[in-house]
Amino acid sequence: MSSAGIVVESPTEGYDLDAETIGRFRRDGFVKLGGVLAPMALAFFGEEVTRKVFELNTEELPIEERTAFRAAFLQVFNLWTQSEVAKDLIFSPRLARIATELMGVRGVRLYHDQALYKEPGGKSTPWHADQYYWPFDTPNTVTAWIPFHAVRLEMGPLSFSAGSHSLEVGRDFPISEESERSIAEALREHELPYSEEPFALGDVSFHSGWTFHRAPGNMTTEPRRVQTIIYVDADAHIAEPTSDAKRKDLERWLAGSEPGHLATGSLNPVLYSRQT
């Protein structure tokens, strides 16, 4: 059996989403789904991704000497270009189809992938919205957060502010100590529910690009091992960057594509398209 077969059980098998689940995602800006990936798949891919993270990671400073952003996790990008095994996970049609159906779009393409490993003693991830960094003309973006193991509360599971993707305030903060303070205050003022729950083995969450989220610190002696995949509407166009952060993302993740055009560069393949 190929590694791709391990991910999705069979090359064509999907994951059933009912109208209530899709509606909850669009109302809250996130959803956590159970049993998306089998334990065998998580063990198989987790071993490879972990190996590559510790091989490719360049962080040398101890946690206490890092900025708030760098103290939150080790991160390695676009593992699909570094490992054929990791590529089978990143390109999984099951995961891409879920993203497509949650957003209600024709299909999705890859923006980039990102391994996020919160070390033992790793600090909390500040409140932020991912799309602060992304130069797209649409809110139709979604990130799959895929832990390779059960994530207890003390390990720092991803946590969300329900309904915050509809807020305009707080969108001008990069991930930082300031974003933690200012966004937390805005969310309290709007009395939005805070969702912090453990992840069972096989759980995968999907959140919109403008959904505010954070993660507590890792208080255990084990690393919190997570792979993320960022999807964008296959029909999205690149917007003219309005900040240095967006300009850097355009150069790094959308190579070969220009503002006003589809993101059709070599790093942004279509991963799933509905049958027409």
C-alpha atoms as a PDB file:
ATOM      1  CA  MET A   1       0.000   0.000   0.000  1.00  0.00           C
ATOM      2  CA  SER A   2       1.337   3.474  -0.809  1.00  0.00           C
ATOM      3  CA  SER A   3       1.634   6.105   1.883  1.00  0.00           C
ATOM      4  CA  ALA A   4      -1.147   8.044   0.150  1.00  0.00           C
ATOM      5  CA  GLY A   5      -3.361   4.997   0.556  1.00  0.00           C
ATOM      6  CA  ILE A   6      -2.592   4.933   4.255  1.00  0.00           C
ATOM      7  CA  VAL A   7      -3.805   8.523   4.618  1.00  0.00           C
ATOM      8  CA  VAL A   8      -7.194   8.183   3.042  1.00  0.00           C
ATOM      9  CA  GLU A   9      -7.851   4.448   3.437  1.00  0.00           C
ATOM     10  CA  SER A  10      -8.528   4.349  -0.321  1.00  0.00           C
ATOM     11  CA  PRO A  11      -7.650   6.869  -3.038  1.00  0.00           C
ATOM     12  CA  THR A  12     -11.271   7.887  -3.595  1.00  0.00           C
ATOM     13  CA  GLU A  13     -12.778   7.608  -0.121  1.00  0.00           C
ATOM     14  CA  GLY A  14     -14.025  10.898   1.291  1.00  0.00           C
ATOM     15  CA  TYR A  15     -15.101  12.050   4.722  1.00  0.00           C
ATOM     16  CA  ASP A  16     -18.820  12.628   5.141  1.00  0.00           C
ATOM     17  CA  LEU A  17     -19.749  16.171   6.129  1.00  0.00           C
ATOM     18  CA  ASP A  18     -23.368  16.908   6.965  1.00  0.00           C
ATOM     19  CA  ALA A  19     -25.108  20.249   6.583  1.00  0.00           C
ATOM     20  CA  GLU A  20     -24.994  20.915  10.331  1.00  0.00           C
ATOM     21  CA  THR A  21     -21.198  20.539  10.447  1.00  0.00           C
ATOM     22  CA  ILE A  22     -20.693  22.780   7.429  1.00  0.00           C
ATOM     23  CA  GLY A  23     -23.080  25.334   8.909  1.00  0.00           C
ATOM     24  CA  ARG A  24     -21.194  25.266  12.216  1.00  0.00           C
ATOM     25  CA  PHE A  25     -17.904  25.912  10.434  1.00  0.00           C
ATOM     26  CA  ARG A  26     -19.330  28.896   8.583  1.00  0.00           C
ATOM     27  CA  ARG A  27     -20.957  30.285  11.730  1.00  0.00           C
ATOM     28  CA  ASP A  28     -18.008  29.798  14.106  1.00  0.00           C
ATOM     29  CA  GLY A  29     -15.091  30.034  11.678  1.00  0.00           C
ATOM     30  CA  PHE A  30     -13.716  26.663  12.741  1.00  0.00           C
ATOM     31  CA  VAL A  31     -14.703  23.060  13.280  1.00  0.00           C
ATOM     32  CA  LYS A  32     -12.996  20.051  14.858  1.00  0.00           C
ATOM     33  CA  LEU A  33     -13.714  16.720  13.155  1.00  0.00           C
ATOM     34  CA  GLY A  34     -13.198  13.286  14.684  1.00  0.00           C
ATOM     35  CA  GLY A  35     -11.679  10.236  13.038  1.00  0.00           C
ATOM     36  CA  VAL A  36     -10.325  12.087  10.008  1.00  0.00           C
ATOM     37  CA  LEU A  37      -7.078  10.112   9.934  1.00  0.00           C
ATOM     38  CA  ALA A  38      -6.433   6.572  11.137  1.00  0.00           C
ATOM     39  CA  PRO A  39      -3.931   5.862  13.942  1.00  0.00           C
ATOM     40  CA  MET A  40      -1.738   3.929  11.495  1.00  0.00           C
ATOM     41  CA  ALA A  41      -1.568   6.939   9.174  1.00  0.00           C
ATOM     42  CA  LEU A  42      -0.757   9.321  12.006  1.00  0.00           C
ATOM     43  CA  ALA A  43       2.055   7.087  13.269  1.00  0.00           C
ATOM     44  CA  PHE A  44       3.467   6.622   9.772  1.00  0.00           C
ATOM     45  CA  PHE A  45       3.464  10.272   8.787  1.00  0.00           C
ATOM     46  CA  GLY A  46       4.297  11.536  12.251  1.00  0.00           C
ATOM     47  CA  GLU A  47       7.550   9.611  12.258  1.00  0.00           C
ATOM     48  CA  GLU A  48       8.649  11.132   8.945  1.00  0.00           C
ATOM     49  CA  VAL A  49       7.541  14.688   9.702  1.00  0.00           C
ATOM     50  CA  THR A  50       9.220  14.595  13.120  1.00  0.00           C
ATOM     51  CA  ARG A  51      12.457  13.401  11.554  1.00  0.00           C
ATOM     52  CA  LYS A  52      12.390  16.217   9.000  1.00  0.00           C
ATOM     53  CA  VAL A  53      11.467  18.894  11.559  1.00  0.00           C
ATOM     54  CA  PHE A  54      14.482  18.132  13.718  1.00  0.00           C
ATOM     55  CA  GLU A  55      16.698  17.787  10.659  1.00  0.00           C
ATOM     56  CA  LEU A  56      15.657  21.081   9.034  1.00  0.00           C
ATOM     57  CA  ASN A  57      14.858  23.295  12.028  1.00  0.00           C
ATOM     58  CA  THR A  58      17.349  26.140  12.434  1.00  0.00           C
ATOM     59  CA  GLU A  59      16.347  27.461  15.884  1.00  0.00           C
ATOM     60  CA  GLU A  60      19.370  27.598  18.202  1.00  0.00           C
ATOM     61  CA  LEU A  61      18.366  29.928  21.034  1.00  0.00           C
ATOM     62  CA  PRO A  62      16.912  28.513  24.268  1.00  0.00           C
ATOM     63  CA  ILE A  63      13.194  29.179  24.693  1.00  0.00           C
ATOM     64  CA  GLU A  64      13.670  31.865  27.348  1.00  0.00           C
ATOM     65  CA  GLU A  65      15.805  33.980  24.959  1.00  0.00           C
ATOM     66  CA  ARG A  66      13.386  33.919  21.996  1.00  0.00           C
ATOM     67  CA  THR A  67      10.680  36.363  20.977  1.00  0.00           C
ATOM     68  CA  ALA A  68       7.060  35.489  21.816  1.00  0.00           C
ATOM     69  CA  PHE A  69       6.562  34.171  18.293  1.00  0.00           C
ATOM     70  CA  ARG A  70       9.694  32.009  18.233  1.00  0.00           C
ATOM     71  CA  ALA A  71       9.160  30.745  21.797  1.00  0.00           C
ATOM     72  CA  ALA A  72       5.760  29.333  20.836  1.00  0.00           C
ATOM     73  CA  PHE A  73       6.950  26.535  18.531  1.00  0.00           C
ATOM     74  CA  LEU A  74       9.517  25.189  16.117  1.00  0.00           C
ATOM     75  CA  GLN A  75       8.290  25.576  12.550  1.00  0.00           C
ATOM     76  CA  VAL A  76       9.370  24.104   9.238  1.00  0.00           C
ATOM     77  CA  PHE A  77       7.663  25.041   5.968  1.00  0.00           C
ATOM     78  CA  ASN A  78       6.771  23.212   2.753  1.00  0.00           C
ATOM     79  CA  LEU A  79       7.859  19.772   3.828  1.00  0.00           C
ATOM     80  CA  TRP A  80       6.196  18.448   0.672  1.00  0.00           C
ATOM     81  CA  THR A  81       9.226  19.729  -1.236  1.00  0.00           C
ATOM     82  CA  GLN A  82      11.601  17.920   1.139  1.00  0.00           C
ATOM     83  CA  SER A  83       9.998  14.498   1.535  1.00  0.00           C
ATOM     84  CA  GLU A  84       7.898  12.323  -0.760  1.00  0.00           C
ATOM     85  CA  VAL A  85       6.303  10.739   2.297  1.00  0.00           C
ATOM     86  CA  ALA A  86       5.299  14.121   3.730  1.00  0.00           C
ATOM     87  CA  LYS A  87       4.020  15.103   0.278  1.00  0.00           C
ATOM     88  CA  ASP A  88       1.515  12.244   0.365  1.00  0.00           C
ATOM     89  CA  LEU A  89       0.037  13.721   3.550  1.00  0.00           C
ATOM     90  CA  ILE A  90       0.071  17.326   2.327  1.00  0.00           C
ATOM     91  CA  PHE A  91      -1.542  16.360  -0.987  1.00  0.00           C
ATOM     92  CA  SER A  92      -4.175  14.102   0.618  1.00  0.00           C
ATOM     93  CA  PRO A  93      -7.400  14.365  -1.448  1.00  0.00           C
ATOM     94  CA  ARG A  94      -9.455  13.523   1.654  1.00  0.00           C
ATOM     95  CA  LEU A  95      -8.197  16.572   3.543  1.00  0.00           C
ATOM     96  CA  ALA A  96      -8.422  18.847   0.496  1.00  0.00           C
ATOM     97  CA  ARG A  97     -11.976  17.736  -0.174  1.00  0.00           C
ATOM     98  CA  ILE A  98     -12.997  18.579   3.402  1.00  0.00           C
ATOM     99  CA  ALA A  99     -11.532  22.069   2.991  1.00  0.00           C
ATOM    100  CA  THR A 100     -13.383  22.489  -0.319  1.00  0.00           C
ATOM    101  CA  GLU A 101     -16.741  21.445   1.089  1.00  0.00           C
ATOM    102  CA  LEU A 102     -16.424  23.511   4.263  1.00  0.00           C
ATOM    103  CA  MET A 103     -15.791  26.672   2.247  1.00  0.00           C
ATOM    104  CA  GLY A 104     -18.317  25.795  -0.464  1.00  0.00           C
ATOM    105  CA  VAL A 105     -15.907  26.498  -3.305  1.00  0.00           C
ATOM    106  CA  ARG A 106     -15.197  24.696  -6.584  1.00  0.00           C
ATOM    107  CA  GLY A 107     -11.812  23.453  -5.430  1.00  0.00           C
ATOM    108  CA  VAL A 108      -8.718  24.300  -3.428  1.00  0.00           C
ATOM    109  CA  ARG A 109      -5.056  24.781  -4.130  1.00  0.00           C
ATOM    110  CA  LEU A 110      -2.142  24.602  -1.717  1.00  0.00           C
ATOM    111  CA  TYR A 111      -0.855  27.859  -0.254  1.00  0.00           C
ATOM    112  CA  HIS A 112       1.844  26.211   1.860  1.00  0.00           C
ATOM    113  CA  ASP A 113       2.298  23.660   4.620  1.00  0.00           C
ATOM    114  CA  GLN A 114       3.801  24.248   8.029  1.00  0.00           C
ATOM    115  CA  ALA A 115       4.953  21.846  10.750  1.00  0.00           C
ATOM    116  CA  LEU A 116       4.414  23.385  14.204  1.00  0.00           C
ATOM    117  CA  TYR A 117       6.182  21.590  17.043  1.00  0.00           C
ATOM    118  CA  LYS A 118       5.658  23.080  20.503  1.00  0.00           C
ATOM    119  CA  GLU A 119       8.605  21.919  22.571  1.00  0.00           C
ATOM    120  CA  PRO A 120       8.384  20.906  26.245  1.00  0.00           C
ATOM    121  CA  GLY A 121       8.190  24.232  28.019  1.00  0.00           C
ATOM    122  CA  GLY A 122       7.188  25.977  24.786  1.00  0.00           C
ATOM    123  CA  LYS A 123       5.358  29.228  25.463  1.00  0.00           C
ATOM    124  CA  SER A 124       1.769  30.036  24.531  1.00  0.00           C
ATOM    125  CA  THR A 125       0.972  30.995  20.950  1.00  0.00           C
ATOM    126  CA  PRO A 126      -0.471  34.543  21.022  1.00  0.00           C
ATOM    127  CA  TRP A 127      -3.887  35.455  19.655  1.00  0.00           C
ATOM    128  CA  HIS A 128      -3.704  36.114  15.910  1.00  0.00           C
ATOM    129  CA  ALA A 129      -5.429  35.651  12.567  1.00  0.00           C
ATOM    130  CA  ASP A 130      -3.381  33.908   9.895  1.00  0.00           C
ATOM    131  CA  GLN A 131      -4.693  35.955   7.000  1.00  0.00           C
ATOM    132  CA  TYR A 132      -2.914  39.047   8.301  1.00  0.00           C
ATOM    133  CA  TYR A 133       0.036  37.647   6.325  1.00  0.00           C
ATOM    134  CA  TRP A 134      -1.705  36.413   3.183  1.00  0.00           C
ATOM    135  CA  PRO A 135      -2.085  38.483  -0.028  1.00  0.00           C
ATOM    136  CA  PHE A 136      -5.377  37.118  -1.339  1.00  0.00           C
ATOM    137  CA  ASP A 137      -8.515  38.863  -2.613  1.00  0.00           C
ATOM    138  CA  THR A 138     -10.830  36.445  -0.784  1.00  0.00           C
ATOM    139  CA  PRO A 139     -11.592  35.241   2.746  1.00  0.00           C
ATOM    140  CA  ASN A 140     -11.915  31.715   1.334  1.00  0.00           C
ATOM    141  CA  THR A 141      -8.852  30.264   3.031  1.00  0.00           C
ATOM    142  CA  VAL A 142      -8.688  27.474   5.578  1.00  0.00           C
ATOM    143  CA  THR A 143      -5.998  25.746   7.622  1.00  0.00           C
ATOM    144  CA  ALA A 144      -6.082  22.077   8.598  1.00  0.00           C
ATOM    145  CA  TRP A 145      -4.417  21.494  12.008  1.00  0.00           C
ATOM    146  CA  ILE A 146      -3.318  17.859  12.204  1.00  0.00           C
ATOM    147  CA  PRO A 147      -1.837  16.564  15.475  1.00  0.00           C
ATOM    148  CA  PHE A 148       0.003  13.252  15.233  1.00  0.00           C
ATOM    149  CA  HIS A 149      -1.132  12.254  18.730  1.00  0.00           C
ATOM    150  CA  ALA A 150      -3.826  13.049  21.263  1.00  0.00           C
ATOM    151  CA  VAL A 151      -3.286  16.598  22.554  1.00  0.00           C
ATOM    152  CA  ARG A 152      -4.111  17.067  26.226  1.00  0.00           C
ATOM    153  CA  LEU A 153      -4.975  20.521  27.548  1.00  0.00           C
ATOM    154  CA  GLU A 154      -1.584  20.829  29.211  1.00  0.00           C
ATOM    155  CA  MET A 155       0.148  20.269  25.845  1.00  0.00           C
ATOM    156  CA  GLY A 156      -1.320  23.403  24.254  1.00  0.00           C
ATOM    157  CA  PRO A 157      -4.135  22.444  21.854  1.00  0.00           C
ATOM    158  CA  LEU A 158      -5.229  24.967  19.253  1.00  0.00           C
ATOM    159  CA  SER A 159      -8.011  27.135  20.692  1.00  0.00           C
ATOM    160  CA  PHE A 160     -10.469  29.434  18.941  1.00  0.00           C
ATOM    161  CA  SER A 161     -12.714  32.453  19.372  1.00  0.00           C
ATOM    162  CA  ALA A 162     -16.037  31.343  17.908  1.00  0.00           C
ATOM    163  CA  GLY A 163     -17.433  33.775  15.356  1.00  0.00           C
ATOM    164  CA  SER A 164     -14.331  35.977  15.351  1.00  0.00           C
ATOM    165  CA  HIS A 165     -13.810  35.571  11.600  1.00  0.00           C
ATOM    166  CA  SER A 166     -16.609  38.117  11.148  1.00  0.00           C
ATOM    167  CA  LEU A 167     -14.828  40.793  13.205  1.00  0.00           C
ATOM    168  CA  GLU A 168     -12.909  43.581  11.487  1.00  0.00           C
ATOM    169  CA  VAL A 169     -11.066  44.692  14.624  1.00  0.00           C
ATOM    170  CA  GLY A 170      -7.713  43.116  15.444  1.00  0.00           C
ATOM    171  CA  ARG A 171      -6.811  42.198  11.878  1.00  0.00           C
ATOM    172  CA  ASP A 172      -3.807  44.529  11.756  1.00  0.00           C
ATOM    173  CA  PHE A 173      -1.684  42.693  14.348  1.00  0.00           C
ATOM    174  CA  PRO A 174       1.148  40.285  13.530  1.00  0.00           C
ATOM    175  CA  ILE A 175       1.546  37.417  15.977  1.00  0.00           C
ATOM    176  CA  SER A 176       3.205  38.984  19.028  1.00  0.00           C
ATOM    177  CA  GLU A 177       2.788  39.909  22.664  1.00  0.00           C
ATOM    178  CA  GLU A 178       0.821  42.949  21.470  1.00  0.00           C
ATOM    179  CA  SER A 179      -1.561  40.770  19.449  1.00  0.00           C
ATOM    180  CA  GLU A 180      -2.190  38.645  22.549  1.00  0.00           C
ATOM    181  CA  ARG A 181      -3.149  41.693  24.633  1.00  0.00           C
ATOM    182  CA  SER A 182      -5.078  43.712  22.074  1.00  0.00           C
ATOM    183  CA  ILE A 183      -7.018  40.893  20.415  1.00  0.00           C
ATOM    184  CA  ALA A 184      -7.917  39.352  23.794  1.00  0.00           C
ATOM    185  CA  GLU A 185      -9.365  42.705  24.846  1.00  0.00           C
ATOM    186  CA  ALA A 186     -11.371  43.033  21.622  1.00  0.00           C
ATOM    187  CA  LEU A 187     -12.761  39.522  21.970  1.00  0.00           C
ATOM    188  CA  ARG A 188     -13.830  40.192  25.554  1.00  0.00           C
ATOM    189  CA  GLU A 189     -15.606  43.377  24.467  1.00  0.00           C
ATOM    190  CA  HIS A 190     -17.548  41.429  21.835  1.00  0.00           C
ATOM    191  CA  GLU A 191     -18.271  38.576  24.283  1.00  0.00           C
ATOM    192  CA  LEU A 192     -17.355  35.864  21.805  1.00  0.00           C
ATOM    193  CA  PRO A 193     -17.151  32.287  23.116  1.00  0.00           C
ATOM    194  CA  TYR A 194     -13.689  30.818  23.716  1.00  0.00           C
ATOM    195  CA  SER A 195     -13.219  27.197  22.669  1.00  0.00           C
ATOM    196  CA  GLU A 196     -10.317  25.319  24.264  1.00  0.00           C
ATOM    197  CA  GLU A 197     -10.587  21.531  24.106  1.00  0.00           C
ATOM    198  CA  PRO A 198      -8.231  18.554  23.956  1.00  0.00           C
ATOM    199  CA  PHE A 199      -7.782  16.712  20.654  1.00  0.00           C
ATOM    200  CA  ALA A 200      -8.336  12.969  20.525  1.00  0.00           C
ATOM    201  CA  LEU A 201      -6.195  10.781  18.298  1.00  0.00           C
ATOM    202  CA  GLY A 202      -7.493  11.260  14.734  1.00  0.00           C
ATOM    203  CA  ASP A 203      -9.066  14.685  15.349  1.00  0.00           C
ATOM    204  CA  VAL A 204      -8.304  17.392  12.790  1.00  0.00           C
ATOM    205  CA  SER A 205      -9.479  20.992  13.043  1.00  0.00           C
ATOM    206  CA  PHE A 206     -10.148  23.382  10.173  1.00  0.00           C
ATOM    207  CA  HIS A 207     -10.228  27.151  10.712  1.00  0.00           C
ATOM    208  CA  SER A 208     -10.769  30.135   8.444  1.00  0.00           C
ATOM    209  CA  GLY A 209      -7.952  32.546   7.711  1.00  0.00           C
ATOM    210  CA  TRP A 210      -9.605  35.374   9.675  1.00  0.00           C
ATOM    211  CA  THR A 211     -10.571  33.268  12.707  1.00  0.00           C
ATOM    212  CA  PHE A 212      -8.701  34.408  15.800  1.00  0.00           C
ATOM    213  CA  HIS A 213      -6.934  31.553  17.552  1.00  0.00           C
ATOM    214  CA  ARG A 214      -4.168  30.846  20.049  1.00  0.00           C
ATOM    215  CA  ALA A 215      -2.646  27.911  21.930  1.00  0.00           C
ATOM    216  CA  PRO A 216      -1.559  27.582  25.563  1.00  0.00           C
ATOM    217  CA  GLY A 217       1.999  26.621  26.415  1.00  0.00           C
ATOM    218  CA  ASN A 218       3.210  23.045  26.541  1.00  0.00           C
ATOM    219  CA  MET A 219       3.534  22.134  30.207  1.00  0.00           C
ATOM    220  CA  THR A 220       4.510  18.499  29.569  1.00  0.00           C
ATOM    221  CA  THR A 221       7.830  16.780  28.904  1.00  0.00           C
ATOM    222  CA  GLU A 222       6.797  15.752  25.373  1.00  0.00           C
ATOM    223  CA  PRO A 223       6.728  17.870  22.211  1.00  0.00           C
ATOM    224  CA  ARG A 224       3.327  18.744  20.755  1.00  0.00           C
ATOM    225  CA  ARG A 225       3.721  17.471  17.184  1.00  0.00           C
ATOM    226  CA  VAL A 226       1.428  19.070  14.584  1.00  0.00           C
ATOM    227  CA  GLN A 227       1.353  19.406  10.797  1.00  0.00           C
ATOM    228  CA  THR A 228      -0.729  22.122   9.169  1.00  0.00           C
ATOM    229  CA  ILE A 229      -1.909  22.525   5.587  1.00  0.00           C
ATOM    230  CA  ILE A 230      -3.119  25.899   4.310  1.00  0.00           C
ATOM    231  CA  TYR A 231      -5.659  25.855   1.492  1.00  0.00           C
ATOM    232  CA  VAL A 232      -6.979  28.692  -0.639  1.00  0.00           C
ATOM    233  CA  ASP A 233      -9.938  28.786  -3.020  1.00  0.00           C
ATOM    234  CA  ALA A 234      -8.643  27.508  -6.363  1.00  0.00           C
ATOM    235  CA  ASP A 235     -10.248  30.518  -8.047  1.00  0.00           C
ATOM    236  CA  ALA A 236      -8.707  33.108  -5.689  1.00  0.00           C
ATOM    237  CA  HIS A 237      -6.640  35.919  -7.149  1.00  0.00           C
ATOM    238  CA  ILE A 238      -3.592  37.477  -5.591  1.00  0.00           C
ATOM    239  CA  ALA A 239      -4.216  40.930  -4.153  1.00  0.00           C
ATOM    240  CA  GLU A 240      -1.728  43.782  -4.304  1.00  0.00           C
ATOM    241  CA  PRO A 241       0.251  43.483  -1.042  1.00  0.00           C
ATOM    242  CA  THR A 242      -0.590  46.231   1.450  1.00  0.00           C
ATOM    243  CA  SER A 243       2.119  45.426   4.018  1.00  0.00           C
ATOM    244  CA  ASP A 244       5.656  44.103   4.241  1.00  0.00           C
ATOM    245  CA  ALA A 245       4.269  40.872   5.691  1.00  0.00           C
ATOM    246  CA  LYS A 246       2.074  40.296   2.637  1.00  0.00           C
ATOM    247  CA  ARG A 247       4.896  41.229   0.264  1.00  0.00           C
ATOM    248  CA  LYS A 248       7.181  38.687   1.922  1.00  0.00           C
ATOM    249  CA  ASP A 249       4.521  35.983   1.693  1.00  0.00           C
ATOM    250  CA  LEU A 250       3.951  36.780  -1.982  1.00  0.00           C
ATOM    251  CA  GLU A 251       7.650  36.364  -2.697  1.00  0.00           C
ATOM    252  CA  ARG A 252       8.078  33.255  -0.581  1.00  0.00           C
ATOM    253  CA  TRP A 253       4.938  31.186  -1.159  1.00  0.00           C
ATOM    254  CA  LEU A 254       3.520  32.439  -4.468  1.00  0.00           C
ATOM    255  CA  ALA A 255       6.644  32.425  -6.611  1.00  0.00           C
ATOM    256  CA  GLY A 256       5.851  32.951 -10.276  1.00  0.00           C
ATOM    257  CA  SER A 257       2.437  34.547  -9.647  1.00  0.00           C
ATOM    258  CA  GLU A 258       1.550  38.232  -9.789  1.00  0.00           C
ATOM    259  CA  PRO A 259      -1.124  40.447  -8.167  1.00  0.00           C
ATOM    260  CA  GLY A 260      -4.381  40.325 -10.099  1.00  0.00           C
ATOM    261  CA  HIS A 261      -3.749  36.764 -11.300  1.00  0.00           C
ATOM    262  CA  LEU A 262      -4.563  33.288 -10.034  1.00  0.00           C
ATOM    263  CA  ALA A 263      -2.003  31.662  -7.756  1.00  0.00           C
ATOM    264  CA  THR A 264      -0.789  29.251 -10.404  1.00  0.00           C
ATOM    265  CA  GLY A 265       2.876  29.062  -9.460  1.00  0.00           C
ATOM    266  CA  SER A 266       4.752  25.806  -9.067  1.00  0.00           C
ATOM    267  CA  LEU A 267       4.300  25.866  -5.275  1.00  0.00           C
ATOM    268  CA  ASN A 268       0.509  26.176  -5.463  1.00  0.00           C
ATOM    269  CA  PRO A 269      -1.006  23.125  -7.181  1.00  0.00           C
ATOM    270  CA  VAL A 270      -4.740  22.422  -7.140  1.00  0.00           C
ATOM    271  CA  LEU A 271      -5.245  19.611  -4.616  1.00  0.00           C
ATOM    272  CA  TYR A 272      -8.938  18.970  -5.105  1.00  0.00           C
ATOM    273  CA  SER A 273     -11.621  20.023  -7.590  1.00  0.00           C
ATOM    274  CA  ARG A 274     -15.293  19.102  -7.577  1.00  0.00           C
ATOM    275  CA  GLN A 275     -16.593  17.131 -10.525  1.00  0.00           C
ATOM    276  CA  THR A 276     -18.462  19.412 -12.965  1.00  0.00           C
END
